[in-house]
N, C-alpha and C. Protein backbone atom coordinates (compact mmCIF):
# COMPACT_ATOMS: atom_id res chain seq x y z
N UNK A 1 40.40 -72.73 9.26
CA UNK A 1 39.91 -71.62 10.01
C UNK A 1 40.45 -71.74 11.42
N UNK A 2 40.82 -70.61 11.91
CA UNK A 2 41.44 -70.59 13.23
C UNK A 2 40.39 -70.29 14.27
N UNK A 3 40.38 -71.00 15.38
CA UNK A 3 39.40 -70.74 16.41
C UNK A 3 39.64 -69.38 17.05
N UNK A 4 38.54 -68.73 17.53
CA UNK A 4 38.61 -67.42 18.16
C UNK A 4 39.32 -67.51 19.49
N UNK A 5 40.10 -66.50 19.81
CA UNK A 5 40.82 -66.45 21.07
C UNK A 5 39.88 -66.09 22.20
N UNK A 6 38.72 -65.46 21.84
CA UNK A 6 37.76 -65.07 22.87
C UNK A 6 36.66 -66.11 22.88
N UNK A 7 36.38 -66.66 24.07
CA UNK A 7 35.33 -67.66 24.12
C UNK A 7 33.99 -67.03 23.83
N UNK A 8 33.09 -67.78 23.22
CA UNK A 8 31.76 -67.28 22.93
C UNK A 8 30.99 -67.11 24.22
N UNK A 9 30.32 -65.97 24.28
CA UNK A 9 29.55 -65.64 25.48
C UNK A 9 28.08 -66.00 25.23
N UNK A 10 27.42 -66.34 26.29
CA UNK A 10 26.03 -66.78 26.18
C UNK A 10 25.11 -65.64 25.73
N UNK A 11 25.41 -64.40 26.12
CA UNK A 11 24.49 -63.30 25.79
C UNK A 11 24.61 -62.83 24.35
N UNK A 12 25.54 -63.36 23.60
CA UNK A 12 25.67 -62.97 22.20
C UNK A 12 24.79 -63.78 21.29
N UNK A 13 24.15 -64.78 21.81
CA UNK A 13 23.24 -65.58 21.01
C UNK A 13 21.83 -65.04 21.23
N UNK A 14 21.15 -64.63 20.14
CA UNK A 14 19.80 -64.08 20.29
C UNK A 14 18.79 -65.21 20.23
N UNK A 15 17.82 -64.99 21.05
CA UNK A 15 16.71 -65.92 21.10
C UNK A 15 15.43 -65.11 20.93
N UNK A 16 14.32 -65.72 20.61
CA UNK A 16 13.07 -64.97 20.43
C UNK A 16 12.70 -64.11 21.64
N UNK A 17 13.03 -64.50 22.82
CA UNK A 17 12.70 -63.72 24.02
C UNK A 17 13.45 -62.39 24.01
N UNK A 18 14.67 -62.39 23.47
CA UNK A 18 15.43 -61.14 23.38
C UNK A 18 14.74 -60.16 22.43
N UNK A 19 14.27 -60.66 21.27
CA UNK A 19 13.58 -59.80 20.31
C UNK A 19 12.27 -59.28 20.90
N UNK A 20 11.59 -60.10 21.63
CA UNK A 20 10.34 -59.68 22.26
C UNK A 20 10.60 -58.60 23.30
N UNK A 21 11.64 -58.73 24.09
CA UNK A 21 11.99 -57.73 25.10
C UNK A 21 12.38 -56.41 24.44
N UNK A 22 13.14 -56.46 23.36
CA UNK A 22 13.55 -55.24 22.66
C UNK A 22 12.34 -54.54 22.06
N UNK A 23 11.45 -55.28 21.43
CA UNK A 23 10.26 -54.69 20.84
C UNK A 23 9.36 -54.07 21.91
N UNK A 24 9.22 -54.72 23.06
CA UNK A 24 8.41 -54.19 24.15
C UNK A 24 9.01 -52.89 24.68
N UNK A 25 10.32 -52.86 24.85
CA UNK A 25 10.99 -51.65 25.36
C UNK A 25 10.84 -50.49 24.37
N UNK A 26 11.01 -50.78 23.09
CA UNK A 26 10.86 -49.75 22.07
C UNK A 26 9.43 -49.22 22.02
N UNK A 27 8.44 -50.07 22.12
CA UNK A 27 7.04 -49.65 22.14
C UNK A 27 6.77 -48.78 23.35
N UNK A 28 7.35 -49.12 24.49
CA UNK A 28 7.18 -48.30 25.70
C UNK A 28 7.76 -46.92 25.53
N UNK A 29 8.95 -46.79 24.90
CA UNK A 29 9.58 -45.49 24.68
C UNK A 29 8.73 -44.64 23.74
N UNK A 30 8.24 -45.23 22.67
CA UNK A 30 7.40 -44.50 21.72
C UNK A 30 6.12 -44.03 22.40
N UNK A 31 5.47 -44.88 23.15
CA UNK A 31 4.24 -44.52 23.85
C UNK A 31 4.50 -43.41 24.86
N UNK A 32 5.57 -43.50 25.61
CA UNK A 32 5.90 -42.49 26.61
C UNK A 32 6.23 -41.15 25.95
N UNK A 33 6.92 -41.19 24.81
CA UNK A 33 7.27 -39.94 24.14
C UNK A 33 6.05 -39.25 23.55
N UNK A 34 5.02 -40.00 23.17
CA UNK A 34 3.81 -39.37 22.66
C UNK A 34 3.00 -38.73 23.77
N UNK A 35 3.15 -39.19 24.98
CA UNK A 35 2.44 -38.61 26.12
C UNK A 35 3.20 -37.39 26.65
N UNK A 36 4.49 -37.47 26.72
CA UNK A 36 5.31 -36.39 27.26
C UNK A 36 5.88 -35.55 26.12
N UNK A 37 5.13 -34.53 25.69
CA UNK A 37 5.56 -33.65 24.61
C UNK A 37 6.14 -32.37 25.20
N UNK A 38 7.14 -31.79 24.55
CA UNK A 38 7.67 -30.50 25.02
C UNK A 38 6.66 -29.39 24.73
N UNK A 39 6.83 -28.24 25.37
CA UNK A 39 5.95 -27.09 25.15
C UNK A 39 6.08 -26.58 23.73
N UNK A 40 5.16 -25.70 23.34
CA UNK A 40 5.17 -25.14 21.99
C UNK A 40 6.45 -24.34 21.77
N UNK A 41 7.02 -24.47 20.61
CA UNK A 41 8.25 -23.76 20.28
C UNK A 41 7.93 -22.31 19.92
N UNK A 42 8.80 -21.40 20.32
CA UNK A 42 8.66 -19.99 19.95
C UNK A 42 9.99 -19.52 19.39
N UNK A 43 9.94 -18.52 18.55
CA UNK A 43 11.16 -17.99 17.94
C UNK A 43 11.92 -17.11 18.91
N UNK A 44 11.24 -16.54 19.90
CA UNK A 44 11.89 -15.63 20.84
C UNK A 44 12.63 -16.42 21.90
N UNK A 45 13.74 -15.87 22.31
CA UNK A 45 14.50 -16.48 23.39
C UNK A 45 13.80 -16.18 24.71
N UNK A 46 13.90 -17.07 25.69
CA UNK A 46 13.27 -16.78 26.98
C UNK A 46 13.84 -15.48 27.55
N UNK A 47 12.95 -14.63 27.99
CA UNK A 47 13.36 -13.37 28.60
C UNK A 47 13.71 -12.29 27.59
N UNK A 48 13.66 -12.59 26.29
CA UNK A 48 13.96 -11.60 25.27
C UNK A 48 12.77 -10.66 25.12
N UNK A 49 13.01 -9.38 24.81
CA UNK A 49 11.88 -8.46 24.63
C UNK A 49 11.02 -8.89 23.45
N UNK A 50 9.73 -8.68 23.58
CA UNK A 50 8.79 -9.06 22.54
C UNK A 50 8.86 -8.05 21.40
N UNK A 51 8.94 -8.54 20.17
CA UNK A 51 8.98 -7.64 19.02
C UNK A 51 7.62 -7.66 18.35
N UNK A 52 7.25 -6.51 17.81
CA UNK A 52 5.97 -6.40 17.12
C UNK A 52 6.24 -5.98 15.69
N UNK A 53 5.52 -6.59 14.79
CA UNK A 53 5.70 -6.23 13.39
C UNK A 53 4.94 -4.93 13.11
N UNK A 54 5.42 -4.20 12.14
CA UNK A 54 4.77 -2.94 11.76
C UNK A 54 3.42 -3.24 11.14
N UNK A 55 2.43 -2.39 11.40
CA UNK A 55 1.12 -2.62 10.79
C UNK A 55 1.21 -2.50 9.28
N UNK A 56 0.38 -3.26 8.61
CA UNK A 56 0.36 -3.22 7.15
C UNK A 56 -0.16 -1.85 6.70
N UNK A 57 0.40 -1.31 5.62
CA UNK A 57 -0.10 -0.02 5.15
C UNK A 57 -1.55 -0.13 4.71
N UNK A 58 -2.26 0.97 4.86
CA UNK A 58 -3.66 1.01 4.47
C UNK A 58 -3.78 1.06 2.95
N UNK A 59 -4.93 0.68 2.47
CA UNK A 59 -5.20 0.78 1.04
C UNK A 59 -5.39 2.25 0.68
N UNK A 60 -5.10 2.58 -0.56
CA UNK A 60 -5.28 3.96 -1.02
C UNK A 60 -6.76 4.33 -0.96
N UNK A 61 -7.06 5.57 -0.56
CA UNK A 61 -8.46 6.00 -0.48
C UNK A 61 -9.15 5.93 -1.85
N UNK A 62 -10.40 5.53 -1.84
CA UNK A 62 -11.20 5.40 -3.06
C UNK A 62 -11.96 6.70 -3.32
N UNK A 63 -11.71 7.37 -4.45
CA UNK A 63 -12.41 8.62 -4.74
C UNK A 63 -13.92 8.46 -4.87
N UNK A 64 -14.40 7.26 -5.18
CA UNK A 64 -15.84 7.04 -5.31
C UNK A 64 -16.55 7.18 -3.97
N UNK A 65 -15.81 7.10 -2.86
CA UNK A 65 -16.41 7.18 -1.53
C UNK A 65 -16.33 8.58 -0.94
N UNK A 66 -16.02 9.59 -1.77
CA UNK A 66 -15.81 10.96 -1.27
C UNK A 66 -16.77 11.92 -1.96
N UNK A 67 -17.22 12.89 -1.20
CA UNK A 67 -17.99 13.99 -1.78
C UNK A 67 -17.04 15.16 -1.94
N UNK A 68 -16.79 15.56 -3.19
CA UNK A 68 -15.82 16.61 -3.47
C UNK A 68 -16.43 17.99 -3.27
N UNK A 69 -15.61 18.98 -2.87
CA UNK A 69 -16.11 20.35 -2.67
C UNK A 69 -16.27 21.06 -4.02
N UNK A 70 -17.24 20.57 -4.80
CA UNK A 70 -17.42 21.03 -6.15
C UNK A 70 -18.91 21.29 -6.37
N UNK A 71 -19.27 22.49 -6.81
CA UNK A 71 -20.66 22.83 -7.08
C UNK A 71 -20.98 22.49 -8.53
N UNK A 72 -21.77 21.45 -8.73
CA UNK A 72 -22.09 20.99 -10.08
C UNK A 72 -23.55 21.19 -10.46
N UNK A 73 -24.35 21.76 -9.58
CA UNK A 73 -25.76 21.96 -9.90
C UNK A 73 -26.46 20.64 -10.10
N UNK A 74 -27.24 20.52 -11.22
CA UNK A 74 -28.01 19.30 -11.43
C UNK A 74 -27.19 18.10 -11.93
N UNK A 75 -25.93 18.34 -12.35
CA UNK A 75 -25.10 17.21 -12.83
C UNK A 75 -24.19 16.74 -11.70
N UNK A 76 -23.57 15.61 -11.91
CA UNK A 76 -22.72 15.06 -10.85
C UNK A 76 -21.25 15.32 -11.14
N UNK A 77 -20.43 15.19 -10.09
CA UNK A 77 -18.99 15.30 -10.22
C UNK A 77 -18.45 13.98 -10.76
N UNK A 78 -17.48 14.07 -11.68
CA UNK A 78 -16.90 12.88 -12.31
C UNK A 78 -15.40 12.87 -12.02
N UNK A 79 -14.90 11.72 -11.54
CA UNK A 79 -13.46 11.55 -11.35
C UNK A 79 -12.87 11.19 -12.70
N UNK A 80 -12.13 12.12 -13.28
CA UNK A 80 -11.56 11.95 -14.62
C UNK A 80 -10.29 11.10 -14.58
N UNK A 81 -9.43 11.35 -13.58
CA UNK A 81 -8.17 10.63 -13.43
C UNK A 81 -7.89 10.47 -11.95
N UNK A 82 -7.10 9.44 -11.63
CA UNK A 82 -6.69 9.27 -10.23
C UNK A 82 -5.36 8.54 -10.21
N UNK A 83 -4.58 8.80 -9.16
CA UNK A 83 -3.30 8.12 -8.95
C UNK A 83 -3.03 8.13 -7.45
N UNK A 84 -2.30 7.13 -6.98
CA UNK A 84 -2.02 7.01 -5.55
C UNK A 84 -0.53 6.89 -5.29
N UNK A 85 -0.15 7.32 -4.10
CA UNK A 85 1.24 7.24 -3.65
C UNK A 85 1.36 7.88 -2.29
N UNK A 86 2.45 7.61 -1.61
CA UNK A 86 2.69 8.21 -0.29
C UNK A 86 3.26 9.60 -0.49
N UNK A 87 2.45 10.62 -0.28
CA UNK A 87 2.87 12.00 -0.52
C UNK A 87 3.49 12.67 0.70
N UNK A 88 3.11 12.23 1.90
CA UNK A 88 3.59 12.90 3.11
C UNK A 88 4.61 12.08 3.90
N UNK A 89 5.00 10.91 3.39
CA UNK A 89 6.04 10.11 4.03
C UNK A 89 5.60 9.35 5.26
N UNK A 90 4.30 9.16 5.46
CA UNK A 90 3.83 8.45 6.65
C UNK A 90 3.71 6.94 6.43
N UNK A 91 4.03 6.47 5.22
CA UNK A 91 3.95 5.03 4.93
C UNK A 91 2.61 4.58 4.40
N UNK A 92 1.62 5.47 4.37
CA UNK A 92 0.30 5.14 3.85
C UNK A 92 0.02 5.97 2.60
N UNK A 93 -0.60 5.36 1.59
CA UNK A 93 -0.82 6.09 0.34
C UNK A 93 -1.98 7.08 0.43
N UNK A 94 -1.81 8.17 -0.28
CA UNK A 94 -2.88 9.12 -0.51
C UNK A 94 -3.32 8.93 -1.96
N UNK A 95 -4.51 9.39 -2.27
CA UNK A 95 -5.00 9.36 -3.65
C UNK A 95 -5.18 10.79 -4.11
N UNK A 96 -4.73 11.06 -5.33
CA UNK A 96 -4.94 12.37 -5.94
C UNK A 96 -5.94 12.16 -7.07
N UNK A 97 -7.02 12.95 -7.06
CA UNK A 97 -8.09 12.79 -8.04
C UNK A 97 -8.27 14.07 -8.84
N UNK A 98 -8.41 13.92 -10.14
CA UNK A 98 -8.75 15.02 -11.04
C UNK A 98 -10.25 14.89 -11.29
N UNK A 99 -11.00 15.93 -10.88
CA UNK A 99 -12.45 15.86 -10.87
C UNK A 99 -13.03 17.08 -11.58
N UNK A 100 -14.13 16.87 -12.33
CA UNK A 100 -14.86 18.00 -12.90
C UNK A 100 -16.36 17.65 -12.94
N UNK A 101 -17.16 18.67 -13.17
CA UNK A 101 -18.60 18.46 -13.29
C UNK A 101 -18.89 17.82 -14.65
N UNK A 102 -19.78 16.85 -14.65
CA UNK A 102 -20.16 16.16 -15.87
C UNK A 102 -20.85 17.16 -16.78
N UNK A 103 -20.43 17.22 -18.03
CA UNK A 103 -21.00 18.19 -18.96
C UNK A 103 -21.14 17.55 -20.33
N UNK A 104 -22.27 17.80 -20.97
CA UNK A 104 -22.48 17.27 -22.31
C UNK A 104 -21.79 18.12 -23.37
N UNK A 105 -21.52 19.39 -23.02
CA UNK A 105 -20.92 20.30 -23.99
C UNK A 105 -19.75 21.03 -23.34
N UNK A 106 -18.78 21.41 -24.16
CA UNK A 106 -17.66 22.20 -23.67
C UNK A 106 -16.66 21.36 -22.88
N UNK A 107 -15.70 22.07 -22.31
CA UNK A 107 -14.67 21.44 -21.51
C UNK A 107 -14.74 22.03 -20.11
N UNK A 108 -15.35 21.31 -19.17
CA UNK A 108 -15.46 21.86 -17.82
C UNK A 108 -14.10 21.91 -17.13
N UNK A 109 -13.87 22.92 -16.30
CA UNK A 109 -12.59 23.02 -15.61
C UNK A 109 -12.44 21.89 -14.58
N UNK A 110 -11.17 21.51 -14.34
CA UNK A 110 -10.87 20.44 -13.40
C UNK A 110 -10.49 20.98 -12.03
N UNK A 111 -10.72 20.16 -11.04
CA UNK A 111 -10.20 20.36 -9.70
C UNK A 111 -9.28 19.19 -9.40
N UNK A 112 -8.20 19.45 -8.67
CA UNK A 112 -7.28 18.38 -8.28
C UNK A 112 -7.29 18.32 -6.76
N UNK A 113 -7.67 17.16 -6.22
CA UNK A 113 -7.87 16.99 -4.78
C UNK A 113 -7.02 15.85 -4.25
N UNK A 114 -6.51 16.03 -3.03
CA UNK A 114 -5.75 14.99 -2.33
C UNK A 114 -6.66 14.35 -1.30
N UNK A 115 -6.72 13.01 -1.33
CA UNK A 115 -7.56 12.26 -0.39
C UNK A 115 -6.68 11.44 0.53
N UNK A 116 -7.13 11.29 1.77
CA UNK A 116 -6.46 10.42 2.73
C UNK A 116 -7.52 9.71 3.55
N UNK A 117 -7.10 8.78 4.36
CA UNK A 117 -8.04 8.11 5.27
C UNK A 117 -8.09 8.94 6.54
N UNK A 118 -9.29 9.21 7.01
CA UNK A 118 -9.42 10.10 8.14
C UNK A 118 -9.96 9.45 9.38
N UNK A 119 -9.56 10.00 10.50
CA UNK A 119 -10.13 9.64 11.80
C UNK A 119 -10.12 8.16 12.12
N UNK A 120 -10.90 7.83 13.14
CA UNK A 120 -10.97 6.45 13.62
C UNK A 120 -11.73 5.55 12.65
N UNK A 121 -12.66 6.12 11.88
CA UNK A 121 -13.45 5.29 10.98
C UNK A 121 -12.71 4.92 9.70
N UNK A 122 -11.61 5.64 9.38
CA UNK A 122 -10.81 5.32 8.21
C UNK A 122 -11.46 5.65 6.88
N UNK A 123 -12.55 6.43 6.89
CA UNK A 123 -13.22 6.79 5.64
C UNK A 123 -12.37 7.81 4.88
N UNK A 124 -12.35 7.71 3.55
CA UNK A 124 -11.59 8.68 2.76
C UNK A 124 -12.18 10.08 2.90
N UNK A 125 -11.30 11.08 2.86
CA UNK A 125 -11.75 12.47 2.93
C UNK A 125 -10.78 13.36 2.16
N UNK A 126 -11.26 14.50 1.71
CA UNK A 126 -10.43 15.47 0.99
C UNK A 126 -9.63 16.25 2.03
N UNK A 127 -8.29 16.29 1.84
CA UNK A 127 -7.45 17.03 2.78
C UNK A 127 -6.77 18.24 2.14
N UNK A 128 -6.76 18.29 0.81
CA UNK A 128 -6.14 19.44 0.14
C UNK A 128 -6.73 19.60 -1.26
N UNK A 129 -6.82 20.86 -1.68
CA UNK A 129 -7.19 21.19 -3.05
C UNK A 129 -5.94 21.75 -3.72
N UNK A 130 -5.40 21.01 -4.69
CA UNK A 130 -4.21 21.47 -5.39
C UNK A 130 -4.55 22.43 -6.52
N UNK A 131 -5.68 22.19 -7.17
CA UNK A 131 -6.14 23.05 -8.26
C UNK A 131 -7.64 23.26 -8.10
N UNK A 132 -8.05 24.51 -7.97
CA UNK A 132 -9.46 24.83 -7.81
C UNK A 132 -10.10 24.97 -9.19
N UNK A 133 -11.28 24.38 -9.39
CA UNK A 133 -11.95 24.52 -10.69
C UNK A 133 -12.23 25.98 -11.05
N UNK A 134 -12.30 26.85 -10.07
CA UNK A 134 -12.54 28.28 -10.33
C UNK A 134 -11.39 28.90 -11.13
N UNK A 135 -10.21 28.22 -11.16
CA UNK A 135 -9.08 28.73 -11.96
C UNK A 135 -9.34 28.59 -13.46
N UNK A 136 -10.33 27.74 -13.84
CA UNK A 136 -10.72 27.59 -15.23
C UNK A 136 -9.77 26.76 -16.08
N UNK A 137 -8.93 25.97 -15.48
CA UNK A 137 -7.99 25.16 -16.26
C UNK A 137 -8.41 23.69 -16.25
N UNK A 138 -7.84 22.95 -17.21
CA UNK A 138 -8.05 21.50 -17.26
C UNK A 138 -6.69 20.83 -17.11
N UNK A 139 -6.73 19.54 -16.80
CA UNK A 139 -5.50 18.79 -16.56
C UNK A 139 -5.26 17.85 -17.73
N UNK A 140 -4.06 17.94 -18.32
CA UNK A 140 -3.65 17.03 -19.39
C UNK A 140 -2.96 15.83 -18.74
N UNK A 141 -1.65 15.72 -18.94
CA UNK A 141 -0.88 14.65 -18.32
C UNK A 141 -0.92 14.81 -16.81
N UNK A 142 -0.88 13.66 -16.11
CA UNK A 142 -1.04 13.69 -14.66
C UNK A 142 -0.39 12.43 -14.08
N UNK A 143 0.39 12.58 -12.99
CA UNK A 143 1.02 11.41 -12.37
C UNK A 143 1.38 11.70 -10.92
N UNK A 144 1.51 10.61 -10.15
CA UNK A 144 2.04 10.68 -8.78
C UNK A 144 3.26 9.78 -8.79
N UNK A 145 4.44 10.40 -8.54
CA UNK A 145 5.70 9.65 -8.54
C UNK A 145 6.64 10.23 -7.49
N UNK A 146 7.32 9.35 -6.79
CA UNK A 146 8.37 9.75 -5.85
C UNK A 146 7.90 10.83 -4.89
N UNK A 147 6.68 10.70 -4.37
CA UNK A 147 6.17 11.64 -3.38
C UNK A 147 5.73 12.99 -3.94
N UNK A 148 5.58 13.10 -5.25
CA UNK A 148 5.18 14.37 -5.86
C UNK A 148 4.05 14.14 -6.86
N UNK A 149 3.24 15.18 -7.05
CA UNK A 149 2.17 15.17 -8.05
C UNK A 149 2.63 16.06 -9.18
N UNK A 150 2.60 15.54 -10.41
CA UNK A 150 2.95 16.35 -11.57
C UNK A 150 1.75 16.38 -12.51
N UNK A 151 1.59 17.52 -13.19
CA UNK A 151 0.47 17.67 -14.11
C UNK A 151 0.81 18.69 -15.17
N UNK A 152 0.15 18.55 -16.30
CA UNK A 152 0.19 19.57 -17.35
C UNK A 152 -1.16 20.26 -17.32
N UNK A 153 -1.12 21.58 -17.07
CA UNK A 153 -2.35 22.37 -16.99
C UNK A 153 -2.59 23.08 -18.32
N UNK A 154 -3.83 23.02 -18.78
CA UNK A 154 -4.23 23.67 -20.01
C UNK A 154 -5.20 24.79 -19.67
N UNK A 155 -4.89 25.99 -20.12
CA UNK A 155 -5.71 27.14 -19.76
C UNK A 155 -5.95 28.07 -20.93
N UNK A 156 -6.48 29.25 -20.60
CA UNK A 156 -6.90 30.20 -21.61
C UNK A 156 -6.31 31.57 -21.29
N UNK A 157 -5.81 32.24 -22.32
CA UNK A 157 -5.17 33.55 -22.13
C UNK A 157 -6.17 34.68 -21.92
N UNK A 158 -7.41 34.48 -22.39
CA UNK A 158 -8.44 35.52 -22.22
C UNK A 158 -9.82 34.87 -22.31
N UNK A 159 -10.85 35.59 -21.89
CA UNK A 159 -12.21 35.05 -21.99
C UNK A 159 -12.67 34.91 -23.45
N UNK A 160 -11.96 35.51 -24.38
CA UNK A 160 -12.34 35.44 -25.79
C UNK A 160 -11.93 34.13 -26.45
N UNK A 161 -11.04 33.37 -25.80
CA UNK A 161 -10.57 32.10 -26.37
C UNK A 161 -11.66 31.05 -26.13
N UNK A 162 -12.10 30.35 -27.21
CA UNK A 162 -13.14 29.34 -27.03
C UNK A 162 -12.73 28.27 -26.01
N UNK A 163 -13.70 27.83 -25.22
CA UNK A 163 -13.44 26.87 -24.14
C UNK A 163 -13.08 25.47 -24.65
N UNK A 164 -13.16 25.28 -25.94
CA UNK A 164 -12.78 23.98 -26.50
C UNK A 164 -11.29 23.90 -26.78
N UNK A 165 -10.65 25.08 -26.87
CA UNK A 165 -9.29 25.12 -27.42
C UNK A 165 -8.34 25.91 -26.53
N UNK A 166 -7.83 25.30 -25.47
CA UNK A 166 -6.92 26.04 -24.59
C UNK A 166 -5.67 26.50 -25.36
N UNK A 167 -5.23 27.74 -25.03
CA UNK A 167 -4.06 28.28 -25.72
C UNK A 167 -2.87 28.47 -24.79
N UNK A 168 -2.99 28.02 -23.55
CA UNK A 168 -1.87 28.08 -22.60
C UNK A 168 -1.63 26.69 -22.02
N UNK A 169 -0.36 26.39 -21.82
CA UNK A 169 0.03 25.08 -21.29
C UNK A 169 1.18 25.29 -20.32
N UNK A 170 1.06 24.67 -19.15
CA UNK A 170 2.16 24.77 -18.19
C UNK A 170 2.29 23.46 -17.41
N UNK A 171 3.52 23.09 -17.11
CA UNK A 171 3.79 21.92 -16.30
C UNK A 171 3.98 22.37 -14.86
N UNK A 172 3.33 21.66 -13.94
CA UNK A 172 3.43 22.01 -12.53
C UNK A 172 3.74 20.76 -11.71
N UNK A 173 4.22 21.02 -10.50
CA UNK A 173 4.55 19.94 -9.57
C UNK A 173 4.16 20.39 -8.17
N UNK A 174 3.53 19.49 -7.42
CA UNK A 174 3.19 19.76 -6.04
C UNK A 174 3.93 18.75 -5.17
N UNK A 175 4.54 19.22 -4.09
CA UNK A 175 5.24 18.35 -3.16
C UNK A 175 4.90 18.79 -1.73
N UNK A 176 4.74 17.81 -0.84
CA UNK A 176 4.44 18.07 0.56
C UNK A 176 5.69 18.58 1.25
N UNK A 177 5.62 19.81 1.81
CA UNK A 177 6.75 20.40 2.52
C UNK A 177 6.22 21.19 3.71
N UNK A 178 6.76 20.91 4.87
CA UNK A 178 6.42 21.66 6.10
C UNK A 178 4.92 21.75 6.34
N UNK A 179 4.21 20.66 6.13
CA UNK A 179 2.79 20.60 6.46
C UNK A 179 1.84 21.15 5.42
N UNK A 180 2.32 21.42 4.21
CA UNK A 180 1.45 21.92 3.16
C UNK A 180 1.99 21.48 1.79
N UNK A 181 1.14 21.53 0.77
CA UNK A 181 1.58 21.22 -0.58
C UNK A 181 2.11 22.49 -1.22
N UNK A 182 3.34 22.42 -1.73
CA UNK A 182 3.99 23.55 -2.37
C UNK A 182 4.02 23.31 -3.87
N UNK A 183 3.54 24.30 -4.62
CA UNK A 183 3.49 24.20 -6.08
C UNK A 183 4.76 24.81 -6.68
N UNK A 184 5.31 24.10 -7.66
CA UNK A 184 6.50 24.60 -8.35
C UNK A 184 6.42 24.21 -9.82
N UNK A 185 7.38 24.71 -10.60
CA UNK A 185 7.49 24.34 -12.01
C UNK A 185 8.65 23.37 -12.10
N UNK A 186 8.44 22.16 -12.63
CA UNK A 186 9.54 21.20 -12.74
C UNK A 186 10.66 21.74 -13.63
N UNK A 187 11.88 21.30 -13.35
CA UNK A 187 13.03 21.70 -14.17
C UNK A 187 12.79 21.24 -15.61
N UNK A 188 13.10 22.11 -16.55
CA UNK A 188 12.93 21.75 -17.97
C UNK A 188 11.54 21.96 -18.49
N UNK A 189 10.60 22.43 -17.65
CA UNK A 189 9.21 22.62 -18.09
C UNK A 189 9.12 23.91 -18.90
N UNK A 190 8.25 23.89 -19.91
CA UNK A 190 8.04 25.06 -20.75
C UNK A 190 6.57 25.42 -20.80
N UNK A 191 6.28 26.70 -20.86
CA UNK A 191 4.90 27.17 -21.02
C UNK A 191 4.69 27.62 -22.45
N UNK A 192 3.48 27.49 -22.94
CA UNK A 192 3.15 27.92 -24.31
C UNK A 192 2.37 29.20 -24.22
C-alpha cells in the first residue's frame, strides 16, 4: 500500500465531542424552526384580485310546500307527477307539477304548474299555469328535458264522451321565451 501524498489532518478524526456538537446544533435548528413558522399559505398571489366561486344552485322547489290555485272543495289537491329542470336559463331548477283534485270516481282534469323559489325567504311558489284544469284535459306522458316541458294531453271531443275514456290526444311542448312560456306542437307529433 502506498502512503497518501496528503498528510492526515487533525480535524478529520472524529471524537465523541464532535458528535455531541453536531447533535446539539441540529437540535437547535429543529427547535428554532418549530418556533419560527412561515405565515399561512394561500393559493392567490400577493396583490392578485380575489376570486369568488359561484353560489351553488338551489334545490328544486318541492310541490308539497305549495298551495296550488285549484278549487277542490272538500277534497285535497294531489300532485300526480313532477319533474325538475332549469327552464329559464338562470342556473336554478324549476319544478313542473301535474296536479288534480283527489277523486274517488271519474278522471279529474289536470293542471300543470311551474314552481320556483321566491323572494328572500326562498319558499316555493307557483309562477305559471301551463294547463288550466278548466280545459278539462288530463296529462299522459310528461317530462322536463333540455329546458322544455313536454306532455301528452288527453281530452274529449264533446260533452257526450264519457269522462273515463278520452277520445282526443295531442302532444304539446312549452318553452320559456321572452319572459313567458310559449306552447307549441313538437315536430312529428300527431293528434287523434
